[in-house]
Amino acid sequence: MCRVNHGAGYVTWAGFAEDGFRLTADVDLLKWYASSTFAQRGFCSKCGSSMLFCSKRWPGEMHIALGALHGPLDRAPDAHVYHDQQVEWVLTDDSLEVINAEQPL
């Protein structure tokens, strides 16, 4: 779903506590799309950029597409999620934890 939504081999998200998340610019442009029965995606209705993701799998979290952020993030990636569904032309060679789709969280 992430590949199709972003038109890329993978997407990098940063997860934050939902109750501590606040969108401050152009809030009226944010629209939500139910991409499945368990998840929804937030996007900019002006330019179409995919920005946010929330899911029943990670209740209480808001995920922000790192490509949508302006400026640096104060943390590094810590896991590959849905790694079992990666495309064969994307290679990962690192020591990050791997969380596959069938693994419970």
PDB file of N, CA and C in Angstrom:
ATOM      1  N   MET A   1       0.807  -1.201   0.000  1.00  0.00           N
ATOM      2  CA  MET A   1       0.000   0.000   0.000  1.00  0.00           C
ATOM      3  C   MET A   1       0.851   1.267   0.000  1.00  0.00           C
ATOM      4  N   CYS A   2       1.939   1.268   0.793  1.00  0.00           N
ATOM      5  CA  CYS A   2       2.788   2.461   0.853  1.00  0.00           C
ATOM      6  C   CYS A   2       3.454   2.731  -0.493  1.00  0.00           C
ATOM      7  N   ARG A   3       3.907   1.665  -1.175  1.00  0.00           N
ATOM      8  CA  ARG A   3       4.559   1.853  -2.478  1.00  0.00           C
ATOM      9  C   ARG A   3       3.586   2.500  -3.457  1.00  0.00           C
ATOM     10  N   VAL A   4       2.367   1.977  -3.517  1.00  0.00           N
ATOM     11  CA  VAL A   4       1.379   2.511  -4.447  1.00  0.00           C
ATOM     12  C   VAL A   4       1.015   3.944  -4.075  1.00  0.00           C
ATOM     13  N   ASN A   5       0.796   4.198  -2.803  1.00  0.00           N
ATOM     14  CA  ASN A   5       0.403   5.528  -2.351  1.00  0.00           C
ATOM     15  C   ASN A   5       1.461   6.575  -2.638  1.00  0.00           C
ATOM     16  N   HIS A   6       2.719   6.196  -2.506  1.00  0.00           N
ATOM     17  CA  HIS A   6       3.810   7.154  -2.688  1.00  0.00           C
ATOM     18  C   HIS A   6       4.474   7.071  -4.053  1.00  0.00           C
ATOM     19  N   GLY A   7       4.166   6.050  -4.830  1.00  0.00           N
ATOM     20  CA  GLY A   7       4.773   5.900  -6.142  1.00  0.00           C
ATOM     21  C   GLY A   7       6.274   5.683  -6.046  1.00  0.00           C
ATOM     22  N   ALA A   8       6.703   4.951  -5.032  1.00  0.00           N
ATOM     23  CA  ALA A   8       8.133   4.735  -4.794  1.00  0.00           C
ATOM     24  C   ALA A   8       8.348   3.328  -4.249  1.00  0.00           C
ATOM     25  N   GLY A   9       9.598   2.891  -4.220  1.00  0.00           N
ATOM     26  CA  GLY A   9       9.940   1.560  -3.738  1.00  0.00           C
ATOM     27  C   GLY A   9       9.651   1.360  -2.262  1.00  0.00           C
ATOM     28  N   TYR A  10       9.662   2.425  -1.507  1.00  0.00           N
ATOM     29  CA  TYR A  10       9.355   2.371  -0.081  1.00  0.00           C
ATOM     30  C   TYR A  10       9.117   3.789   0.409  1.00  0.00           C
ATOM     31  N   VAL A  11       8.600   3.899   1.606  1.00  0.00           N
ATOM     32  CA  VAL A  11       8.404   5.211   2.214  1.00  0.00           C
ATOM     33  C   VAL A  11       8.982   5.158   3.626  1.00  0.00           C
ATOM     34  N   THR A  12       9.531   6.246   4.067  1.00  0.00           N
ATOM     35  CA  THR A  12      10.092   6.326   5.410  1.00  0.00           C
ATOM     36  C   THR A  12       9.183   7.201   6.261  1.00  0.00           C
ATOM     37  N   TRP A  13       8.700   6.612   7.360  1.00  0.00           N
ATOM     38  CA  TRP A  13       7.794   7.299   8.273  1.00  0.00           C
ATOM     39  C   TRP A  13       8.485   7.573   9.599  1.00  0.00           C
ATOM     40  N   ALA A  14       8.038   8.616  10.273  1.00  0.00           N
ATOM     41  CA  ALA A  14       8.417   8.867  11.666  1.00  0.00           C
ATOM     42  C   ALA A  14       7.124   8.835  12.464  1.00  0.00           C
ATOM     43  N   GLY A  15       7.088   8.022  13.517  1.00  0.00           N
ATOM     44  CA  GLY A  15       5.881   7.894  14.333  1.00  0.00           C
ATOM     45  C   GLY A  15       5.969   8.730  15.595  1.00  0.00           C
ATOM     46  N   PHE A  16       4.873   9.384  15.933  1.00  0.00           N
ATOM     47  CA  PHE A  16       4.788  10.242  17.111  1.00  0.00           C
ATOM     48  C   PHE A  16       3.489   9.961  17.846  1.00  0.00           C
ATOM     49  N   ALA A  17       3.456  10.249  19.130  1.00  0.00           N
ATOM     50  CA  ALA A  17       2.220  10.111  19.898  1.00  0.00           C
ATOM     51  C   ALA A  17       1.165  11.042  19.294  1.00  0.00           C
ATOM     52  N   GLU A  18       0.002  10.483  18.990  1.00  0.00           N
ATOM     53  CA  GLU A  18      -1.053  11.250  18.337  1.00  0.00           C
ATOM     54  C   GLU A  18      -1.514  12.439  19.162  1.00  0.00           C
ATOM     55  N   ASP A  19      -1.558  12.275  20.479  1.00  0.00           N
ATOM     56  CA  ASP A  19      -2.031  13.380  21.319  1.00  0.00           C
ATOM     57  C   ASP A  19      -1.011  14.510  21.420  1.00  0.00           C
ATOM     58  N   GLY A  20       0.218  14.295  20.987  1.00  0.00           N
ATOM     59  CA  GLY A  20       1.229  15.342  20.981  1.00  0.00           C
ATOM     60  C   GLY A  20       1.474  15.918  19.599  1.00  0.00           C
ATOM     61  N   PHE A  21       0.725  15.435  18.604  1.00  0.00           N
ATOM     62  CA  PHE A  21       0.896  15.893  17.224  1.00  0.00           C
ATOM     63  C   PHE A  21      -0.041  17.056  16.926  1.00  0.00           C
ATOM     64  N   ARG A  22       0.497  18.056  16.238  1.00  0.00           N
ATOM     65  CA  ARG A  22      -0.330  19.198  15.843  1.00  0.00           C
ATOM     66  C   ARG A  22       0.167  19.720  14.509  1.00  0.00           C
ATOM     67  N   LEU A  23      -0.715  19.806  13.543  1.00  0.00           N
ATOM     68  CA  LEU A  23      -0.407  20.389  12.251  1.00  0.00           C
ATOM     69  C   LEU A  23      -0.644  21.888  12.374  1.00  0.00           C
ATOM     70  N   THR A  24       0.338  22.688  11.996  1.00  0.00           N
ATOM     71  CA  THR A  24       0.223  24.124  12.247  1.00  0.00           C
ATOM     72  C   THR A  24       0.033  24.970  10.996  1.00  0.00           C
ATOM     73  N   ALA A  25       0.341  24.438   9.824  1.00  0.00           N
ATOM     74  CA  ALA A  25       0.241  25.256   8.613  1.00  0.00           C
ATOM     75  C   ALA A  25      -0.824  24.700   7.674  1.00  0.00           C
ATOM     76  N   ASP A  26      -1.662  25.559   7.147  1.00  0.00           N
ATOM     77  CA  ASP A  26      -2.668  25.188   6.147  1.00  0.00           C
ATOM     78  C   ASP A  26      -3.493  23.968   6.553  1.00  0.00           C
ATOM     79  N   VAL A  27      -3.989  23.954   7.766  1.00  0.00           N
ATOM     80  CA  VAL A  27      -4.724  22.804   8.303  1.00  0.00           C
ATOM     81  C   VAL A  27      -5.950  22.473   7.448  1.00  0.00           C
ATOM     82  N   ASP A  28      -6.569  23.476   6.868  1.00  0.00           N
ATOM     83  CA  ASP A  28      -7.763  23.235   6.060  1.00  0.00           C
ATOM     84  C   ASP A  28      -7.465  22.474   4.773  1.00  0.00           C
ATOM     85  N   LEU A  29      -6.205  22.400   4.376  1.00  0.00           N
ATOM     86  CA  LEU A  29      -5.828  21.667   3.165  1.00  0.00           C
ATOM     87  C   LEU A  29      -5.658  20.176   3.412  1.00  0.00           C
ATOM     88  N   LEU A  30      -5.564  19.764   4.671  1.00  0.00           N
ATOM     89  CA  LEU A  30      -5.384  18.355   4.993  1.00  0.00           C
ATOM     90  C   LEU A  30      -6.691  17.596   4.795  1.00  0.00           C
ATOM     91  N   LYS A  31      -6.639  16.542   3.999  1.00  0.00           N
ATOM     92  CA  LYS A  31      -7.787  15.668   3.761  1.00  0.00           C
ATOM     93  C   LYS A  31      -7.365  14.241   4.097  1.00  0.00           C
ATOM     94  N   TRP A  32      -8.335  13.422   4.487  1.00  0.00           N
ATOM     95  CA  TRP A  32      -8.072  12.042   4.880  1.00  0.00           C
ATOM     96  C   TRP A  32      -8.720  11.088   3.898  1.00  0.00           C
ATOM     97  N   TYR A  33      -8.018   9.988   3.636  1.00  0.00           N
ATOM     98  CA  TYR A  33      -8.486   8.934   2.746  1.00  0.00           C
ATOM     99  C   TYR A  33      -8.391   7.606   3.489  1.00  0.00           C
ATOM    100  N   ALA A  34      -9.485   6.844   3.549  1.00  0.00           N
ATOM    101  CA  ALA A  34      -9.465   5.521   4.181  1.00  0.00           C
ATOM    102  C   ALA A  34      -8.867   4.548   3.173  1.00  0.00           C
ATOM    103  N   SER A  35      -7.584   4.226   3.338  1.00  0.00           N
ATOM    104  CA  SER A  35      -6.885   3.372   2.368  1.00  0.00           C
ATOM    105  C   SER A  35      -7.155   1.889   2.601  1.00  0.00           C
ATOM    106  N   SER A  36      -7.726   1.540   3.742  1.00  0.00           N
ATOM    107  CA  SER A  36      -8.110   0.162   4.055  1.00  0.00           C
ATOM    108  C   SER A  36      -9.081   0.213   5.224  1.00  0.00           C
ATOM    109  N   THR A  37      -9.510  -0.942   5.679  1.00  0.00           N
ATOM    110  CA  THR A  37     -10.423  -0.980   6.823  1.00  0.00           C
ATOM    111  C   THR A  37      -9.705  -0.667   8.128  1.00  0.00           C
ATOM    112  N   PHE A  38      -8.366  -0.693   8.109  1.00  0.00           N
ATOM    113  CA  PHE A  38      -7.610  -0.469   9.344  1.00  0.00           C
ATOM    114  C   PHE A  38      -6.705   0.758   9.307  1.00  0.00           C
ATOM    115  N   ALA A  39      -6.677   1.491   8.185  1.00  0.00           N
ATOM    116  CA  ALA A  39      -5.750   2.628   8.111  1.00  0.00           C
ATOM    117  C   ALA A  39      -6.327   3.775   7.292  1.00  0.00           C
ATOM    118  N   GLN A  40      -5.825   4.962   7.596  1.00  0.00           N
ATOM    119  CA  GLN A  40      -6.165   6.134   6.790  1.00  0.00           C
ATOM    120  C   GLN A  40      -4.920   6.954   6.531  1.00  0.00           C
ATOM    121  N   ARG A  41      -4.958   7.694   5.450  1.00  0.00           N
ATOM    122  CA  ARG A  41      -3.807   8.486   5.018  1.00  0.00           C
ATOM    123  C   ARG A  41      -4.224   9.937   4.838  1.00  0.00           C
ATOM    124  N   GLY A  42      -3.375  10.838   5.328  1.00  0.00           N
ATOM    125  CA  GLY A  42      -3.638  12.269   5.197  1.00  0.00           C
ATOM    126  C   GLY A  42      -2.807  12.829   4.057  1.00  0.00           C
ATOM    127  N   PHE A  43      -3.430  13.677   3.253  1.00  0.00           N
ATOM    128  CA  PHE A  43      -2.732  14.265   2.115  1.00  0.00           C
ATOM    129  C   PHE A  43      -3.135  15.728   1.938  1.00  0.00           C
ATOM    130  N   CYS A  44      -2.302  16.456   1.222  1.00  0.00           N
ATOM    131  CA  CYS A  44      -2.570  17.863   0.935  1.00  0.00           C
ATOM    132  C   CYS A  44      -3.543  17.939  -0.242  1.00  0.00           C
ATOM    133  N   SER A  45      -4.694  18.571  -0.032  1.00  0.00           N
ATOM    134  CA  SER A  45      -5.689  18.667  -1.099  1.00  0.00           C
ATOM    135  C   SER A  45      -5.305  19.697  -2.164  1.00  0.00           C
ATOM    136  N   LYS A  46      -4.261  20.465  -1.926  1.00  0.00           N
ATOM    137  CA  LYS A  46      -3.807  21.445  -2.916  1.00  0.00           C
ATOM    138  C   LYS A  46      -2.801  20.825  -3.886  1.00  0.00           C
ATOM    139  N   CYS A  47      -1.803  20.117  -3.355  1.00  0.00           N
ATOM    140  CA  CYS A  47      -0.758  19.572  -4.230  1.00  0.00           C
ATOM    141  C   CYS A  47      -0.793  18.046  -4.333  1.00  0.00           C
ATOM    142  N   GLY A  48      -1.559  17.384  -3.463  1.00  0.00           N
ATOM    143  CA  GLY A  48      -1.673  15.933  -3.512  1.00  0.00           C
ATOM    144  C   GLY A  48      -0.602  15.177  -2.749  1.00  0.00           C
ATOM    145  N   SER A  49       0.307  15.878  -2.097  1.00  0.00           N
ATOM    146  CA  SER A  49       1.388  15.206  -1.366  1.00  0.00           C
ATOM    147  C   SER A  49       0.849  14.332  -0.251  1.00  0.00           C
ATOM    148  N   SER A  50       1.368  13.112  -0.183  1.00  0.00           N
ATOM    149  CA  SER A  50       1.031  12.173   0.877  1.00  0.00           C
ATOM    150  C   SER A  50       1.846  12.554   2.096  1.00  0.00           C
ATOM    151  N   MET A  51       1.196  12.780   3.233  1.00  0.00           N
ATOM    152  CA  MET A  51       1.908  13.292   4.399  1.00  0.00           C
ATOM    153  C   MET A  51       1.755  12.456   5.655  1.00  0.00           C
ATOM    154  N   LEU A  52       0.560  11.955   5.933  1.00  0.00           N
ATOM    155  CA  LEU A  52       0.293  11.344   7.231  1.00  0.00           C
ATOM    156  C   LEU A  52      -0.307   9.945   7.081  1.00  0.00           C
ATOM    157  N   PHE A  53      -0.143   9.153   8.116  1.00  0.00           N
ATOM    158  CA  PHE A  53      -0.676   7.795   8.143  1.00  0.00           C
ATOM    159  C   PHE A  53      -1.030   7.452   9.578  1.00  0.00           C
ATOM    160  N   CYS A  54      -2.207   6.884   9.792  1.00  0.00           N
ATOM    161  CA  CYS A  54      -2.535   6.339  11.106  1.00  0.00           C
ATOM    162  C   CYS A  54      -3.266   5.022  10.882  1.00  0.00           C
ATOM    163  N   SER A  55      -3.080   4.102  11.826  1.00  0.00           N
ATOM    164  CA  SER A  55      -3.560   2.749  11.641  1.00  0.00           C
ATOM    165  C   SER A  55      -3.958   2.126  12.971  1.00  0.00           C
ATOM    166  N   LYS A  56      -4.876   1.167  12.894  1.00  0.00           N
ATOM    167  CA  LYS A  56      -5.259   0.408  14.088  1.00  0.00           C
ATOM    168  C   LYS A  56      -4.086  -0.438  14.579  1.00  0.00           C
ATOM    169  N   ARG A  57      -3.140  -0.711  13.704  1.00  0.00           N
ATOM    170  CA  ARG A  57      -1.967  -1.511  14.108  1.00  0.00           C
ATOM    171  C   ARG A  57      -1.094  -0.740  15.099  1.00  0.00           C
ATOM    172  N   TRP A  58      -1.069   0.585  14.967  1.00  0.00           N
ATOM    173  CA  TRP A  58      -0.293   1.441  15.869  1.00  0.00           C
ATOM    174  C   TRP A  58      -1.252   2.464  16.494  1.00  0.00           C
ATOM    175  N   PRO A  59      -2.146   2.028  17.372  1.00  0.00           N
ATOM    176  CA  PRO A  59      -3.120   2.962  17.953  1.00  0.00           C
ATOM    177  C   PRO A  59      -2.423   4.050  18.770  1.00  0.00           C
ATOM    178  N   GLY A  60      -2.947   5.254  18.643  1.00  0.00           N
ATOM    179  CA  GLY A  60      -2.393   6.376  19.400  1.00  0.00           C
ATOM    180  C   GLY A  60      -1.174   7.008  18.765  1.00  0.00           C
ATOM    181  N   GLU A  61      -0.794   6.558  17.558  1.00  0.00           N
ATOM    182  CA  GLU A  61       0.364   7.125  16.871  1.00  0.00           C
ATOM    183  C   GLU A  61      -0.050   7.830  15.586  1.00  0.00           C
ATOM    184  N   MET A  62       0.670   8.884  15.252  1.00  0.00           N
ATOM    185  CA  MET A  62       0.538   9.569  13.974  1.00  0.00           C
ATOM    186  C   MET A  62       1.877   9.406  13.273  1.00  0.00           C
ATOM    187  N   HIS A  63       1.849   8.956  12.034  1.00  0.00           N
ATOM    188  CA  HIS A  63       3.073   8.762  11.262  1.00  0.00           C
ATOM    189  C   HIS A  63       3.171   9.838  10.188  1.00  0.00           C
ATOM    190  N   ILE A  64       4.346  10.429  10.089  1.00  0.00           N
ATOM    191  CA  ILE A  64       4.596  11.510   9.141  1.00  0.00           C
ATOM    192  C   ILE A  64       5.612  11.025   8.121  1.00  0.00           C
ATOM    193  N   ALA A  65       5.293  11.188   6.843  1.00  0.00           N
ATOM    194  CA  ALA A  65       6.230  10.831   5.780  1.00  0.00           C
ATOM    195  C   ALA A  65       7.420  11.785   5.850  1.00  0.00           C
ATOM    196  N   LEU A  66       8.612  11.236   6.020  1.00  0.00           N
ATOM    197  CA  LEU A  66       9.792  12.091   6.176  1.00  0.00           C
ATOM    198  C   LEU A  66      10.026  12.985   4.967  1.00  0.00           C
ATOM    199  N   GLY A  67       9.637  12.521   3.788  1.00  0.00           N
ATOM    200  CA  GLY A  67       9.787  13.343   2.589  1.00  0.00           C
ATOM    201  C   GLY A  67       8.927  14.596   2.620  1.00  0.00           C
ATOM    202  N   ALA A  68       7.920  14.642   3.487  1.00  0.00           N
ATOM    203  CA  ALA A  68       7.038  15.805   3.585  1.00  0.00           C
ATOM    204  C   ALA A  68       7.521  16.826   4.609  1.00  0.00           C
ATOM    205  N   LEU A  69       8.551  16.469   5.368  1.00  0.00           N
ATOM    206  CA  LEU A  69       9.055  17.383   6.397  1.00  0.00           C
ATOM    207  C   LEU A  69      10.028  18.409   5.820  1.00  0.00           C
ATOM    208  N   HIS A  70       9.975  19.579   6.367  1.00  0.00           N
ATOM    209  CA  HIS A  70      10.952  20.617   6.039  1.00  0.00           C
ATOM    210  C   HIS A  70      11.941  20.674   7.193  1.00  0.00           C
ATOM    211  N   GLY A  71      13.188  20.392   6.923  1.00  0.00           N
ATOM    212  CA  GLY A  71      14.191  20.429   7.975  1.00  0.00           C
ATOM    213  C   GLY A  71      14.523  19.035   8.483  1.00  0.00           C
ATOM    214  N   PRO A  72      15.507  18.956   9.341  1.00  0.00           N
ATOM    215  CA  PRO A  72      15.992  17.663   9.836  1.00  0.00           C
ATOM    216  C   PRO A  72      15.083  17.071  10.913  1.00  0.00           C
ATOM    217  N   LEU A  73      15.227  15.772  11.100  1.00  0.00           N
ATOM    218  CA  LEU A  73      14.523  15.067  12.159  1.00  0.00           C
ATOM    219  C   LEU A  73      15.536  14.742  13.238  1.00  0.00           C
ATOM    220  N   ASP A  74      15.117  14.735  14.486  1.00  0.00           N
ATOM    221  CA  ASP A  74      16.049  14.537  15.600  1.00  0.00           C
ATOM    222  C   ASP A  74      16.269  13.071  15.958  1.00  0.00           C
ATOM    223  N   ARG A  75      15.973  12.154  15.035  1.00  0.00           N
ATOM    224  CA  ARG A  75      16.180  10.725  15.289  1.00  0.00           C
ATOM    225  C   ARG A  75      16.458   9.999  13.983  1.00  0.00           C
ATOM    226  N   ALA A  76      17.048   8.812  14.094  1.00  0.00           N
ATOM    227  CA  ALA A  76      17.352   7.977  12.936  1.00  0.00           C
ATOM    228  C   ALA A  76      16.329   6.849  12.851  1.00  0.00           C
ATOM    229  N   PRO A  77      16.158   6.235  11.685  1.00  0.00           N
ATOM    230  CA  PRO A  77      15.261   5.083  11.569  1.00  0.00           C
ATOM    231  C   PRO A  77      15.687   3.969  12.519  1.00  0.00           C
ATOM    232  N   ASP A  78      14.682   3.212  13.024  1.00  0.00           N
ATOM    233  CA  ASP A  78      15.035   2.123  13.942  1.00  0.00           C
ATOM    234  C   ASP A  78      14.481   0.771  13.527  1.00  0.00           C
ATOM    235  N   ALA A  79      13.704   0.702  12.417  1.00  0.00           N
ATOM    236  CA  ALA A  79      13.176  -0.599  11.977  1.00  0.00           C
ATOM    237  C   ALA A  79      12.716  -0.527  10.527  1.00  0.00           C
ATOM    238  N   HIS A  80      12.690  -1.693   9.902  1.00  0.00           N
ATOM    239  CA  HIS A  80      12.047  -1.875   8.595  1.00  0.00           C
ATOM    240  C   HIS A  80      10.723  -2.576   8.871  1.00  0.00           C
ATOM    241  N   VAL A  81       9.607  -1.974   8.477  1.00  0.00           N
ATOM    242  CA  VAL A  81       8.294  -2.576   8.684  1.00  0.00           C
ATOM    243  C   VAL A  81       7.770  -3.050   7.330  1.00  0.00           C
ATOM    244  N   TYR A  82       7.088  -4.188   7.325  1.00  0.00           N
ATOM    245  CA  TYR A  82       6.617  -4.828   6.087  1.00  0.00           C
ATOM    246  C   TYR A  82       7.788  -5.140   5.149  1.00  0.00           C
ATOM    247  N   HIS A  83       8.920  -5.428   5.737  1.00  0.00           N
ATOM    248  CA  HIS A  83      10.134  -5.733   4.978  1.00  0.00           C
ATOM    249  C   HIS A  83       9.937  -6.961   4.091  1.00  0.00           C
ATOM    250  N   ASP A  84       9.064  -7.874   4.505  1.00  0.00           N
ATOM    251  CA  ASP A  84       8.793  -9.076   3.719  1.00  0.00           C
ATOM    252  C   ASP A  84       8.073  -8.752   2.407  1.00  0.00           C
ATOM    253  N   GLN A  85       7.572  -7.534   2.263  1.00  0.00           N
ATOM    254  CA  GLN A  85       6.871  -7.148   1.049  1.00  0.00           C
ATOM    255  C   GLN A  85       7.699  -6.199   0.183  1.00  0.00           C
ATOM    256  N   GLN A  86       8.978  -6.073   0.477  1.00  0.00           N
ATOM    257  CA  GLN A  86       9.809  -5.154  -0.307  1.00  0.00           C
ATOM    258  C   GLN A  86       9.955  -5.645  -1.742  1.00  0.00           C
ATOM    259  N   VAL A  87      10.163  -4.723  -2.656  1.00  0.00           N
ATOM    260  CA  VAL A  87      10.403  -5.083  -4.055  1.00  0.00           C
ATOM    261  C   VAL A  87      11.844  -5.546  -4.200  1.00  0.00           C
ATOM    262  N   GLU A  88      12.090  -6.408  -5.173  1.00  0.00           N
ATOM    263  CA  GLU A  88      13.413  -7.002  -5.319  1.00  0.00           C
ATOM    264  C   GLU A  88      14.492  -5.997  -5.729  1.00  0.00           C
ATOM    265  N   TRP A  89      14.109  -4.845  -6.252  1.00  0.00           N
ATOM    266  CA  TRP A  89      15.104  -3.879  -6.696  1.00  0.00           C
ATOM    267  C   TRP A  89      15.477  -2.862  -5.614  1.00  0.00           C
ATOM    268  N   VAL A  90      14.900  -2.992  -4.422  1.00  0.00           N
ATOM    269  CA  VAL A  90      15.313  -2.161  -3.287  1.00  0.00           C
ATOM    270  C   VAL A  90      16.116  -3.051  -2.341  1.00  0.00           C
ATOM    271  N   LEU A  91      17.375  -2.718  -2.160  1.00  0.00           N
ATOM    272  CA  LEU A  91      18.244  -3.506  -1.300  1.00  0.00           C
ATOM    273  C   LEU A  91      18.508  -2.765  -0.004  1.00  0.00           C
ATOM    274  N   THR A  92      18.389  -3.471   1.093  1.00  0.00           N
ATOM    275  CA  THR A  92      18.729  -2.875   2.383  1.00  0.00           C
ATOM    276  C   THR A  92      19.886  -3.677   2.965  1.00  0.00           C
ATOM    277  N   ASP A  93      20.875  -2.976   3.389  1.00  0.00           N
ATOM    278  CA  ASP A  93      22.052  -3.618   3.948  1.00  0.00           C
ATOM    279  C   ASP A  93      22.435  -2.848   5.209  1.00  0.00           C
ATOM    280  N   ASP A  94      21.665  -3.085   6.244  1.00  0.00           N
ATOM    281  CA  ASP A  94      21.912  -2.379   7.490  1.00  0.00           C
ATOM    282  C   ASP A  94      21.524  -3.276   8.654  1.00  0.00           C
ATOM    283  N   SER A  95      21.604  -2.760   9.825  1.00  0.00           N
ATOM    284  CA  SER A  95      21.336  -3.578  11.017  1.00  0.00           C
ATOM    285  C   SER A  95      20.006  -3.230  11.697  1.00  0.00           C
ATOM    286  N   LEU A  96      19.089  -2.560  10.973  1.00  0.00           N
ATOM    287  CA  LEU A  96      17.809  -2.200  11.575  1.00  0.00           C
ATOM    288  C   LEU A  96      16.966  -3.445  11.846  1.00  0.00           C
ATOM    289  N   GLU A  97      16.174  -3.387  12.899  1.00  0.00           N
ATOM    290  CA  GLU A  97      15.226  -4.454  13.209  1.00  0.00           C
ATOM    291  C   GLU A  97      14.262  -4.621  12.039  1.00  0.00           C
ATOM    292  N   VAL A  98      13.856  -5.860  11.757  1.00  0.00           N
ATOM    293  CA  VAL A  98      12.909  -6.136  10.680  1.00  0.00           C
ATOM    294  C   VAL A  98      11.595  -6.580  11.300  1.00  0.00           C
ATOM    295  N   ILE A  99      10.502  -5.861  10.971  1.00  0.00           N
ATOM    296  CA  ILE A  99       9.165  -6.203  11.435  1.00  0.00           C
ATOM    297  C   ILE A  99       8.345  -6.538  10.202  1.00  0.00           C
ATOM    298  N   ASN A 100       7.973  -7.795  10.028  1.00  0.00           N
ATOM    299  CA  ASN A 100       7.217  -8.208   8.862  1.00  0.00           C
ATOM    300  C   ASN A 100       5.716  -8.130   9.118  1.00  0.00           C
ATOM    301  N   ALA A 101       4.949  -8.143   8.040  1.00  0.00           N
ATOM    302  CA  ALA A 101       3.514  -7.920   8.118  1.00  0.00           C
ATOM    303  C   ALA A 101       2.807  -8.895   9.041  1.00  0.00           C
ATOM    304  N   GLU A 102       3.230 -10.144   9.050  1.00  0.00           N
ATOM    305  CA  GLU A 102       2.526 -11.134   9.865  1.00  0.00           C
ATOM    306  C   GLU A 102       2.940 -11.121  11.322  1.00  0.00           C
ATOM    307  N   GLN A 103       3.953 -10.380  11.676  1.00  0.00           N
ATOM    308  CA  GLN A 103       4.423 -10.337  13.063  1.00  0.00           C
ATOM    309  C   GLN A 103       3.524  -9.425  13.896  1.00  0.00           C
ATOM    310  N   PRO A 104       3.059  -9.897  15.042  1.00  0.00           N
ATOM    311  CA  PRO A 104       2.295  -9.002  15.927  1.00  0.00           C
ATOM    312  C   PRO A 104       3.227  -7.963  16.533  1.00  0.00           C
ATOM    313  N   LEU A 105       2.690  -6.824  16.844  1.00  0.00           N
ATOM    314  CA  LEU A 105       3.506  -5.778  17.472  1.00  0.00           C
ATOM    315  C   LEU A 105       3.438  -5.873  18.958  1.00  0.00           C
TER     316      LEU A 105
END
